[in-house]
């Protein structure tokens, strides 16, 4: 892989002006805690998928100000020379904790926590958010689409409609983590090992004097990867008949029985049923039918409910842009600082919009599983030094409706967040992308079907421990008296 770019100045300008202010006011080494979390699941879904941690790691490891960066900042005329001198040897020296990529995540729980000197913690805000927001958004959309296909392969086809090169390349990575089988983006294969695949465009067919010659030539060049695009002229009158002829004359004599056709326009349900009948009657029951053309989870679900004879899907713009809900909405909020003695002092943000009131303190997140089924029951936010004893009954409650309580007895608790950096040094070994993909599928399988519904999913509870709830409400009461 190529060297990771220097994205240090890919930050909001106020992070630098605040950094200069922290420096001037003696906050340079003030240890601070920031959480990354989100408030709502895109598309009204029941859960999201975490993605983007690997790029966060690469960014942190390469975080530095080049001489060109220093000269540019000096030209702005807003930063002290002492601050600019400090930036010359700048490195991240803090701690980062995060949920592994591929983990199902829920609103208002931290998916990444930064513990670092205030200036450092503030500077990384923008890149962490843009990276986790983007890839988590695409992974969440891709997982919805993959689940709608009910086991049929889904290829990501959206590079040409993505918002820029990173949108295409890293979007393909996120889509693969969430379950897509392949991508059309060749560079994502080279950089990240996302399998690249492809067939032909309509222009291939149009280049030849007739459709059959185009199909025959393609089968001769790519006998082991022949999927023919049959809708350039007329699907049922010429496309499918010419494909059948090419398969029989070129591939079957070689003993090749693995091939397919692709439908990219028209009434996919009707055309796929008719094409399936024609292929079967021609003695080609193993020929696969691939469908594309502005698909998403709702259209795929509808096609299959109508009996469409489709074996695989190619999904482009509506996946790679998450067209139906294109903003993930992750935020980066201060939750605690340390005093001179090293004690953690919780901080809270209060708003007239109660959904924007933050959960204070340095926290950990437990996922609680029912032992009899292996299914996830709820997530529990605790203060960082709390330890759950799964041998003892545990009462959990809805933090917004505290009378809603449940006592768990036969359960297992697993911490979701893992250390990624300690004192600026990476301590996390990244899994391969195939391992992340498998982990994602396993973890999604721990969710109840009711949580995975596309429409009106069950509300999965993210509860607070009694200790954390007490701290939060004490802070709210104290602020209310001021």
Protein backbone atom coordinates (compact mmCIF):
# COMPACT_ATOMS: atom_id res chain seq x y z
CA UNK A 1 0.00 0.00 0.00
CA UNK A 2 1.17 3.52 -0.73
CA UNK A 3 2.30 5.77 2.12
CA UNK A 4 -0.64 7.30 3.94
CA UNK A 5 -1.01 11.02 3.07
CA UNK A 6 -0.28 13.76 5.58
CA UNK A 7 -3.79 14.84 6.56
CA UNK A 8 -2.78 16.88 9.62
CA UNK A 9 -4.28 20.09 8.18
CA UNK A 10 -7.47 18.27 7.24
CA UNK A 11 -9.06 19.83 10.28
CA UNK A 12 -11.51 22.59 11.06
CA UNK A 13 -9.66 25.88 11.41
CA UNK A 14 -11.13 26.39 14.85
CA UNK A 15 -9.23 23.33 16.07
CA UNK A 16 -6.03 25.22 15.38
CA UNK A 17 -7.22 28.52 16.86
CA UNK A 18 -8.43 26.67 19.97
CA UNK A 19 -5.13 24.79 20.07
CA UNK A 20 -3.24 28.07 20.05
CA UNK A 21 -5.54 29.30 22.80
CA UNK A 22 -4.99 26.16 24.88
CA UNK A 23 -1.24 26.67 24.44
CA UNK A 24 -1.42 30.32 25.50
CA UNK A 25 -3.55 29.52 28.58
CA UNK A 26 -1.49 26.66 29.95
CA UNK A 27 -3.88 23.89 28.81
CA UNK A 28 -1.22 22.20 26.69
CA UNK A 29 -0.99 19.14 28.96
CA UNK A 30 -4.55 19.21 30.36
CA UNK A 31 -5.69 15.59 29.93
CA UNK A 32 -9.09 15.47 28.23
CA UNK A 33 -11.56 12.77 27.21
CA UNK A 34 -13.66 13.00 24.04
CA UNK A 35 -16.28 10.51 22.79
CA UNK A 36 -17.34 9.84 19.21
CA UNK A 37 -20.99 8.77 19.09
CA UNK A 38 -24.08 9.23 16.92
CA UNK A 39 -27.69 10.03 17.77
CA UNK A 40 -29.86 8.35 15.11
CA UNK A 41 -29.49 5.35 12.81
CA UNK A 42 -29.63 6.17 9.08
CA UNK A 43 -32.83 5.19 7.24
CA UNK A 44 -34.64 4.72 10.55
CA UNK A 45 -32.86 1.38 10.97
CA UNK A 46 -32.39 -0.58 14.16
CA UNK A 47 -28.58 -0.45 14.22
CA UNK A 48 -25.48 0.79 12.38
CA UNK A 49 -22.14 -0.84 11.50
CA UNK A 50 -18.84 0.62 12.71
CA UNK A 51 -16.19 1.09 10.04
CA UNK A 52 -13.16 3.29 9.35
CA UNK A 53 -10.92 2.47 12.33
CA UNK A 54 -8.00 1.33 10.17
CA UNK A 55 -7.82 4.72 8.45
CA UNK A 56 -8.00 6.45 11.85
CA UNK A 57 -5.00 4.39 12.95
CA UNK A 58 -3.02 5.33 9.85
CA UNK A 59 -3.88 9.01 10.35
CA UNK A 60 -2.78 9.03 13.99
CA UNK A 61 0.49 7.27 13.18
CA UNK A 62 1.27 9.85 10.49
CA UNK A 63 0.12 12.93 12.41
CA UNK A 64 2.76 15.69 12.08
CA UNK A 65 3.21 19.23 10.81
CA UNK A 66 5.55 19.56 7.84
CA UNK A 67 7.70 22.66 7.30
CA UNK A 68 5.23 23.67 4.57
CA UNK A 69 2.37 23.35 7.07
CA UNK A 70 4.18 25.57 9.58
CA UNK A 71 4.91 28.21 6.93
CA UNK A 72 1.28 28.22 5.86
CA UNK A 73 0.01 28.63 9.41
CA UNK A 74 2.51 31.43 10.03
CA UNK A 75 1.19 33.24 6.95
CA UNK A 76 -2.28 33.37 8.53
CA UNK A 77 -0.95 35.79 11.17
CA UNK A 78 -3.09 34.37 13.99
CA UNK A 79 -0.75 31.97 15.75
CA UNK A 80 2.01 32.74 18.25
CA UNK A 81 5.58 31.85 17.31
CA UNK A 82 5.82 29.72 20.44
CA UNK A 83 2.83 27.69 19.31
CA UNK A 84 4.28 27.26 15.81
CA UNK A 85 7.59 26.12 17.31
CA UNK A 86 5.70 23.57 19.39
CA UNK A 87 4.01 22.21 16.27
CA UNK A 88 7.36 21.43 14.63
CA UNK A 89 7.79 18.37 16.84
CA UNK A 90 4.09 17.60 17.28
CA UNK A 91 3.09 13.95 17.76
CA UNK A 92 0.05 12.26 19.24
CA UNK A 93 0.90 10.94 22.71
CA UNK A 94 -2.54 9.99 24.02
CA UNK A 95 -4.76 6.92 24.29
CA UNK A 96 -7.52 5.79 21.95
CA UNK A 97 -10.17 3.14 22.64
CA UNK A 98 -12.63 1.99 19.96
CA UNK A 99 -15.09 -0.69 18.98
CA UNK A 100 -13.63 -3.00 16.31
CA UNK A 101 -14.73 -2.47 12.73
CA UNK A 102 -17.77 -4.51 11.78
CA UNK A 103 -19.41 -4.17 15.20
CA UNK A 104 -23.15 -3.35 15.25
CA UNK A 105 -23.47 -0.02 17.09
CA UNK A 106 -26.32 1.99 18.54
CA UNK A 107 -27.14 5.66 19.21
CA UNK A 108 -25.62 7.55 22.16
CA UNK A 109 -22.93 5.01 22.99
CA UNK A 110 -19.24 5.83 22.39
CA UNK A 111 -17.73 4.07 19.41
CA UNK A 112 -14.33 5.72 19.95
CA UNK A 113 -12.84 7.57 22.92
CA UNK A 114 -9.76 9.80 22.86
CA UNK A 115 -7.81 10.43 26.06
CA UNK A 116 -5.09 12.95 25.30
CA UNK A 117 -3.75 16.41 26.13
CA UNK A 118 -6.42 18.96 25.19
CA UNK A 119 -4.59 20.38 22.18
CA UNK A 120 -4.00 16.92 20.68
CA UNK A 121 -7.51 15.68 21.39
CA UNK A 122 -9.04 18.78 19.80
CA UNK A 123 -6.91 18.63 16.67
CA UNK A 124 -7.98 15.11 15.59
CA UNK A 125 -11.72 15.81 15.76
CA UNK A 126 -12.43 16.46 12.09
CA UNK A 127 -10.53 13.55 10.60
CA UNK A 128 -11.89 11.06 13.11
CA UNK A 129 -15.45 12.18 12.43
CA UNK A 130 -15.23 12.34 8.65
CA UNK A 131 -13.62 8.89 8.50
CA UNK A 132 -15.89 7.08 10.94
CA UNK A 133 -19.00 8.90 9.68
CA UNK A 134 -18.37 8.06 6.04
CA UNK A 135 -17.40 4.43 6.32
CA UNK A 136 -19.97 3.65 9.02
CA UNK A 137 -22.65 5.22 6.83
CA UNK A 138 -21.75 3.12 3.78
CA UNK A 139 -21.27 -0.05 5.83
CA UNK A 140 -24.70 0.46 7.41
CA UNK A 141 -26.38 0.95 4.02
CA UNK A 142 -24.52 -1.96 2.47
CA UNK A 143 -25.52 -4.29 5.28
CA UNK A 144 -29.18 -3.39 4.77
CA UNK A 145 -28.89 -4.12 1.06
CA UNK A 146 -27.03 -7.39 1.63
CA UNK A 147 -29.69 -8.55 4.09
CA UNK A 148 -32.44 -7.68 1.63
CA UNK A 149 -30.85 -10.02 -0.94
CA UNK A 150 -31.40 -13.01 1.39
CA UNK A 151 -28.11 -14.78 0.74
CA UNK A 152 -27.66 -13.76 -2.88
CA UNK A 153 -24.33 -12.04 -3.69
CA UNK A 154 -24.36 -8.24 -3.88
CA UNK A 155 -21.60 -6.50 -5.85
CA UNK A 156 -20.84 -2.83 -5.16
CA UNK A 157 -21.03 -0.98 -8.51
CA UNK A 158 -20.98 2.68 -7.46
CA UNK A 159 -17.52 4.14 -8.13
CA UNK A 160 -18.59 6.50 -10.91
CA UNK A 161 -21.37 7.99 -8.77
CA UNK A 162 -19.41 8.33 -5.53
CA UNK A 163 -18.56 11.71 -3.99
CA UNK A 164 -14.93 11.78 -5.01
CA UNK A 165 -12.15 9.23 -5.16
CA UNK A 166 -12.05 8.50 -1.41
CA UNK A 167 -15.82 8.04 -1.49
CA UNK A 168 -15.38 5.33 -4.11
CA UNK A 169 -12.29 3.61 -2.72
CA UNK A 170 -13.10 3.63 0.99
CA UNK A 171 -16.81 3.24 0.32
CA UNK A 172 -16.05 -0.04 -1.43
CA UNK A 173 -13.99 -1.10 1.58
CA UNK A 174 -16.85 -0.33 3.96
CA UNK A 175 -19.38 -2.11 1.73
CA UNK A 176 -17.23 -5.25 1.68
CA UNK A 177 -16.89 -5.23 5.47
CA UNK A 178 -20.68 -5.11 5.72
CA UNK A 179 -21.21 -8.10 3.42
CA UNK A 180 -20.94 -7.11 -0.24
CA UNK A 181 -19.24 -9.83 -2.26
CA UNK A 182 -17.11 -7.63 -4.51
CA UNK A 183 -16.60 -4.15 -5.96
CA UNK A 184 -16.21 -2.63 -9.39
CA UNK A 185 -13.44 -0.40 -7.97
CA UNK A 186 -10.11 -1.91 -8.99
CA UNK A 187 -8.07 0.32 -6.69
CA UNK A 188 -9.98 -0.92 -3.65
CA UNK A 189 -8.82 -4.41 -4.55
CA UNK A 190 -5.20 -3.31 -4.90
CA UNK A 191 -5.15 -1.24 -1.70
CA UNK A 192 -7.46 -3.16 0.61
CA UNK A 193 -8.06 -6.60 -0.87
CA UNK A 194 -11.72 -6.02 -1.72
CA UNK A 195 -12.32 -8.47 -4.61
CA UNK A 196 -12.79 -6.58 -7.87
CA UNK A 197 -15.23 -7.96 -10.42
CA UNK A 198 -16.92 -6.81 -13.59
CA UNK A 199 -18.49 -7.87 -16.86
CA UNK A 200 -19.13 -5.52 -19.77
CA UNK A 201 -20.79 -2.24 -20.61
CA UNK A 202 -23.35 -1.59 -23.33
CA UNK A 203 -20.54 0.02 -25.34
CA UNK A 204 -18.88 -3.41 -25.75
CA UNK A 205 -22.00 -4.70 -27.48
CA UNK A 206 -22.35 -1.56 -29.56
CA UNK A 207 -18.74 -1.77 -30.78
CA UNK A 208 -19.53 -4.90 -32.80
CA UNK A 209 -21.57 -5.18 -35.96
CA UNK A 210 -24.08 -7.38 -34.22
CA UNK A 211 -24.96 -8.51 -30.70
CA UNK A 212 -24.09 -12.17 -31.20
CA UNK A 213 -20.53 -11.32 -32.31
CA UNK A 214 -20.07 -9.24 -29.17
CA UNK A 215 -21.24 -12.10 -26.94
CA UNK A 216 -19.29 -14.76 -28.82
CA UNK A 217 -16.05 -12.75 -28.67
CA UNK A 218 -16.46 -12.04 -24.96
CA UNK A 219 -17.01 -15.73 -24.21
CA UNK A 220 -13.88 -16.60 -26.19
CA UNK A 221 -11.73 -14.06 -24.31
CA UNK A 222 -13.20 -14.65 -20.84
CA UNK A 223 -14.57 -18.20 -20.89
CA UNK A 224 -14.41 -18.52 -17.11
CA UNK A 225 -16.00 -15.16 -16.37
CA UNK A 226 -18.72 -14.74 -18.96
CA UNK A 227 -21.66 -12.67 -17.79
CA UNK A 228 -23.34 -11.09 -20.79
CA UNK A 229 -25.28 -7.83 -20.71
CA UNK A 230 -28.46 -8.68 -22.60
CA UNK A 231 -30.47 -5.41 -22.60
CA UNK A 232 -28.59 -3.27 -25.13
CA UNK A 233 -31.26 -3.81 -27.81
CA UNK A 234 -34.07 -6.14 -26.79
CA UNK A 235 -33.76 -8.50 -23.83
CA UNK A 236 -36.16 -11.25 -24.85
CA UNK A 237 -36.06 -11.00 -28.65
CA UNK A 238 -32.31 -10.74 -29.15
CA UNK A 239 -30.29 -10.46 -25.91
CA UNK A 240 -31.20 -13.74 -24.26
CA UNK A 241 -31.37 -15.76 -27.52
CA UNK A 242 -27.92 -14.49 -28.57
CA UNK A 243 -26.50 -15.22 -25.13
CA UNK A 244 -27.88 -18.76 -25.25
CA UNK A 245 -26.32 -19.27 -28.68
CA UNK A 246 -22.91 -17.97 -27.51
CA UNK A 247 -22.95 -20.16 -24.42
CA UNK A 248 -23.84 -23.26 -26.43
CA UNK A 249 -21.38 -22.64 -29.26
CA UNK A 250 -18.39 -21.38 -27.26
CA UNK A 251 -18.58 -22.48 -23.63
CA UNK A 252 -20.45 -25.78 -23.43
CA UNK A 253 -18.10 -27.50 -25.94
CA UNK A 254 -15.25 -26.62 -23.54
CA UNK A 255 -17.11 -28.16 -20.62
CA UNK A 256 -17.78 -24.74 -19.06
CA UNK A 257 -21.18 -24.51 -17.39
CA UNK A 258 -20.63 -21.47 -15.14
CA UNK A 259 -21.82 -18.29 -16.84
CA UNK A 260 -24.59 -15.70 -16.59
CA UNK A 261 -26.57 -12.84 -18.04
CA UNK A 262 -27.14 -9.35 -16.61
CA UNK A 263 -30.31 -7.27 -16.73
CA UNK A 264 -29.71 -3.54 -16.32
CA UNK A 265 -33.03 -1.97 -17.34
CA UNK A 266 -36.73 -2.60 -17.75
CA UNK A 267 -39.10 -4.58 -15.55
CA UNK A 268 -36.59 -6.80 -13.74
CA UNK A 269 -39.24 -9.12 -12.28
CA UNK A 270 -40.95 -9.76 -15.62
CA UNK A 271 -37.76 -9.99 -17.67
CA UNK A 272 -35.99 -12.27 -15.19
CA UNK A 273 -38.93 -14.70 -15.11
CA UNK A 274 -39.10 -14.82 -18.90
CA UNK A 275 -35.32 -15.11 -19.24
CA UNK A 276 -35.22 -17.92 -16.66
CA UNK A 277 -37.83 -19.85 -18.62
CA UNK A 278 -35.90 -19.38 -21.88
CA UNK A 279 -32.61 -20.45 -20.31
CA UNK A 280 -34.13 -23.53 -18.70
CA UNK A 281 -35.85 -24.56 -21.91
CA UNK A 282 -32.50 -24.20 -23.71
CA UNK A 283 -30.93 -26.64 -21.27
CA UNK A 284 -29.04 -23.99 -19.30
CA UNK A 285 -30.53 -24.23 -15.78
CA UNK A 286 -27.16 -23.29 -14.24
CA UNK A 287 -26.96 -19.94 -16.00
CA UNK A 288 -27.13 -17.17 -13.40
CA UNK A 289 -29.18 -14.01 -13.75
CA UNK A 290 -27.68 -10.82 -12.35
CA UNK A 291 -29.75 -7.66 -11.89
CA UNK A 292 -28.60 -4.04 -11.59
CA UNK A 293 -30.13 -0.59 -12.33
CA UNK A 294 -30.56 1.84 -9.39
CA UNK A 295 -31.35 -0.81 -6.80
CA UNK A 296 -31.56 -0.51 -3.03
CA UNK A 297 -32.82 -2.68 -0.17
CA UNK A 298 -36.47 -1.78 -0.74
CA UNK A 299 -36.41 -2.51 -4.47
CA UNK A 300 -34.54 -5.77 -3.97
CA UNK A 301 -37.00 -6.85 -1.29
CA UNK A 302 -39.90 -6.03 -3.63
CA UNK A 303 -38.36 -7.86 -6.58
CA UNK A 304 -37.86 -11.01 -4.56
CA UNK A 305 -41.35 -10.84 -3.05
CA UNK A 306 -42.72 -10.70 -6.61
CA UNK A 307 -40.82 -13.84 -7.54
CA UNK A 308 -38.02 -12.29 -9.60
CA UNK A 309 -35.61 -14.97 -10.79
CA UNK A 310 -32.42 -13.16 -9.81
CA UNK A 311 -29.31 -14.93 -8.49
CA UNK A 312 -27.13 -11.89 -7.73
CA UNK A 313 -27.34 -8.10 -7.63
CA UNK A 314 -25.13 -5.19 -8.61
CA UNK A 315 -25.88 -2.04 -6.61
CA UNK A 316 -24.37 1.33 -7.39
CA UNK A 317 -25.32 4.91 -6.60
CA UNK A 318 -27.88 4.22 -3.89
CA UNK A 319 -25.32 2.23 -1.92
CA UNK A 320 -22.09 4.19 -2.41
CA UNK A 321 -23.80 7.51 -1.58
CA UNK A 322 -26.36 6.11 0.88
CA UNK A 323 -28.75 8.14 -1.25
CA UNK A 324 -31.82 7.72 0.95
CA UNK A 325 -30.06 9.08 4.09
CA UNK A 326 -26.59 10.41 3.23
CA UNK A 327 -25.45 11.77 6.61
CA UNK A 328 -24.33 9.55 9.49
CA UNK A 329 -24.28 12.34 12.06
CA UNK A 330 -21.50 11.21 14.38
CA UNK A 331 -20.30 13.88 16.83
CA UNK A 332 -17.22 14.45 18.99
CA UNK A 333 -17.92 15.68 22.50
CA UNK A 334 -15.87 16.36 25.61
CA UNK A 335 -16.94 14.00 28.40
CA UNK A 336 -14.25 14.46 31.08
CA UNK A 337 -10.96 16.10 32.06
CA UNK A 338 -8.33 15.26 34.64
CA UNK A 339 -7.38 17.56 37.49
CA UNK A 340 -3.84 18.16 38.74
CA UNK A 341 -4.01 15.02 40.91
CA UNK A 342 -5.04 12.86 37.95
CA UNK A 343 -8.65 12.37 39.06
CA UNK A 344 -11.24 12.14 36.28
CA UNK A 345 -13.73 15.03 36.43
CA UNK A 346 -16.91 14.33 34.39
CA UNK A 347 -18.19 16.98 31.98
CA UNK A 348 -21.63 17.26 30.40
CA UNK A 349 -23.17 19.24 27.54
CA UNK A 350 -26.71 20.42 28.21
CA UNK A 351 -29.25 21.42 25.60
CA UNK A 352 -32.91 22.40 25.36
CA UNK A 353 -33.04 19.49 22.93
CA UNK A 354 -32.79 16.61 25.40
CA UNK A 355 -31.46 14.26 22.71
CA UNK A 356 -28.32 16.43 22.63
CA UNK A 357 -27.54 16.08 26.34
CA UNK A 358 -24.34 14.04 26.52
CA UNK A 359 -23.39 11.12 28.74
CA UNK A 360 -20.50 12.31 30.93
CA UNK A 361 -17.34 10.66 32.24
CA UNK A 362 -14.71 8.24 30.96
CA UNK A 363 -16.85 5.23 30.05
CA UNK A 364 -16.80 1.63 28.94
CA UNK A 365 -19.53 -0.19 27.01
CA UNK A 366 -20.73 -3.71 27.77
CA UNK A 367 -22.86 -5.75 25.39
CA UNK A 368 -25.12 -8.14 27.29
CA UNK A 369 -25.96 -11.49 25.71
CA UNK A 370 -28.64 -13.98 26.67
CA UNK A 371 -26.87 -17.30 27.33
CA UNK A 372 -29.76 -19.49 26.19
CA UNK A 373 -29.95 -17.92 22.70
CA UNK A 374 -26.65 -16.04 22.25
CA UNK A 375 -28.68 -12.98 21.27
CA UNK A 376 -27.81 -9.44 22.36
CA UNK A 377 -30.17 -8.08 25.03
CA UNK A 378 -28.91 -4.53 25.54
CA UNK A 379 -25.78 -2.40 25.81
CA UNK A 380 -24.76 -0.96 29.17
CA UNK A 381 -22.69 2.22 29.54
CA UNK A 382 -20.61 2.18 32.72
CA UNK A 383 -17.99 4.34 34.36
CA UNK A 384 -14.55 3.16 33.28
CA UNK A 385 -13.71 1.46 36.58
CA UNK A 386 -16.94 -0.57 36.89
CA UNK A 387 -16.71 -4.35 36.48
CA UNK A 388 -19.77 -6.52 35.85
CA UNK A 389 -20.13 -9.84 37.66
CA UNK A 390 -22.14 -12.13 35.39
CA UNK A 391 -22.64 -14.63 38.22
CA UNK A 392 -24.87 -12.13 40.04
CA UNK A 393 -28.29 -10.78 38.97
CA UNK A 394 -28.06 -7.45 37.15
CA UNK A 395 -30.86 -4.91 37.04
CA UNK A 396 -30.88 -2.69 33.97
CA UNK A 397 -33.25 0.18 33.25
CA UNK A 398 -34.23 2.58 30.51
CA UNK A 399 -32.32 5.82 31.29
CA UNK A 400 -35.17 7.91 29.85
CA UNK A 401 -37.97 5.94 31.53
CA UNK A 402 -36.39 4.61 34.70
CA UNK A 403 -39.48 2.66 35.77
CA UNK A 404 -38.81 0.27 32.88
CA UNK A 405 -36.53 -2.27 34.52
CA UNK A 406 -35.37 -5.80 33.89
CA UNK A 407 -33.31 -8.18 36.02
CA UNK A 408 -30.88 -10.39 34.11
CA UNK A 409 -29.63 -13.66 35.59
CA UNK A 410 -28.42 -15.95 32.80
CA UNK A 411 -26.27 -13.59 30.74
CA UNK A 412 -22.77 -12.86 29.49
CA UNK A 413 -21.21 -9.39 29.28
CA UNK A 414 -18.56 -8.44 26.74
CA UNK A 415 -16.69 -5.14 26.63
CA UNK A 416 -17.04 -3.59 23.17
CA UNK A 417 -14.20 -1.06 23.18
CA UNK A 418 -10.58 -2.17 22.90
CA UNK A 419 -7.34 -0.21 23.38
CA UNK A 420 -5.95 1.05 20.07
CA UNK A 421 -3.25 3.51 21.22
CA UNK A 422 -1.50 3.78 24.58
CA UNK A 423 0.68 6.85 25.18
CA UNK A 424 0.81 7.45 21.44
CA UNK A 425 1.92 3.90 20.59
CA UNK A 426 -0.28 1.56 18.64
CA UNK A 427 -1.24 -1.50 20.71
CA UNK A 428 -3.92 -2.89 18.42
CA UNK A 429 -3.31 -5.52 15.75
CA UNK A 430 -5.71 -4.88 12.89
CA UNK A 431 -7.56 -7.91 11.54
CA UNK A 432 -7.54 -8.64 7.82
CA UNK A 433 -10.46 -7.26 5.86
CA UNK A 434 -11.78 -10.82 5.43
CA UNK A 435 -11.65 -11.30 9.22
CA UNK A 436 -13.49 -8.01 9.76
CA UNK A 437 -16.15 -9.06 7.24
CA UNK A 438 -16.67 -12.43 8.95
CA UNK A 439 -16.80 -10.76 12.37
CA UNK A 440 -19.42 -8.32 11.11
CA UNK A 441 -21.66 -11.13 9.85
CA UNK A 442 -21.30 -13.03 13.13
CA UNK A 443 -22.14 -9.99 15.24
CA UNK A 444 -25.15 -8.97 13.14
CA UNK A 445 -26.41 -12.54 13.64
CA UNK A 446 -26.49 -11.93 17.41
CA UNK A 447 -29.24 -9.32 16.92
CA UNK A 448 -32.87 -10.32 17.09
CA UNK A 449 -34.77 -10.21 13.79
CA UNK A 450 -37.00 -7.52 15.26
CA UNK A 451 -33.97 -5.21 15.55
CA UNK A 452 -33.05 -5.94 11.93
CA UNK A 453 -36.40 -4.95 10.43
CA UNK A 454 -36.22 -2.18 7.82
CA UNK A 455 -39.53 -0.65 8.92
CA UNK A 456 -40.22 0.20 12.57
CA UNK A 457 -37.41 -1.89 14.05
CA UNK A 458 -37.45 -2.82 17.73
CA UNK A 459 -35.72 -0.23 19.90
CA UNK A 460 -32.49 -1.82 21.15
CA UNK A 461 -31.74 -0.42 24.59
CA UNK A 462 -28.55 1.43 25.45
CA UNK A 463 -28.77 1.73 29.23
CA UNK A 464 -26.67 3.52 31.84
CA UNK A 465 -25.34 1.82 34.94
CA UNK A 466 -26.80 3.12 38.17
CA UNK A 467 -23.46 4.75 38.99
CA UNK A 468 -23.24 6.57 35.66
CA UNK A 469 -26.92 7.58 35.78
CA UNK A 470 -26.39 9.08 39.25
CA UNK A 471 -23.34 11.07 38.05
CA UNK A 472 -25.23 12.38 35.02
CA UNK A 473 -28.24 13.50 37.00
CA UNK A 474 -26.11 15.10 39.70
CA UNK A 475 -24.42 17.18 37.01
CA UNK A 476 -27.81 18.13 35.55
CA UNK A 477 -29.12 19.16 38.95
CA UNK A 478 -26.00 21.18 39.70
CA UNK A 479 -26.30 23.04 36.40
CA UNK A 480 -29.98 23.63 37.02
CA UNK A 481 -29.20 25.47 40.25
CA UNK A 482 -26.81 27.91 38.57
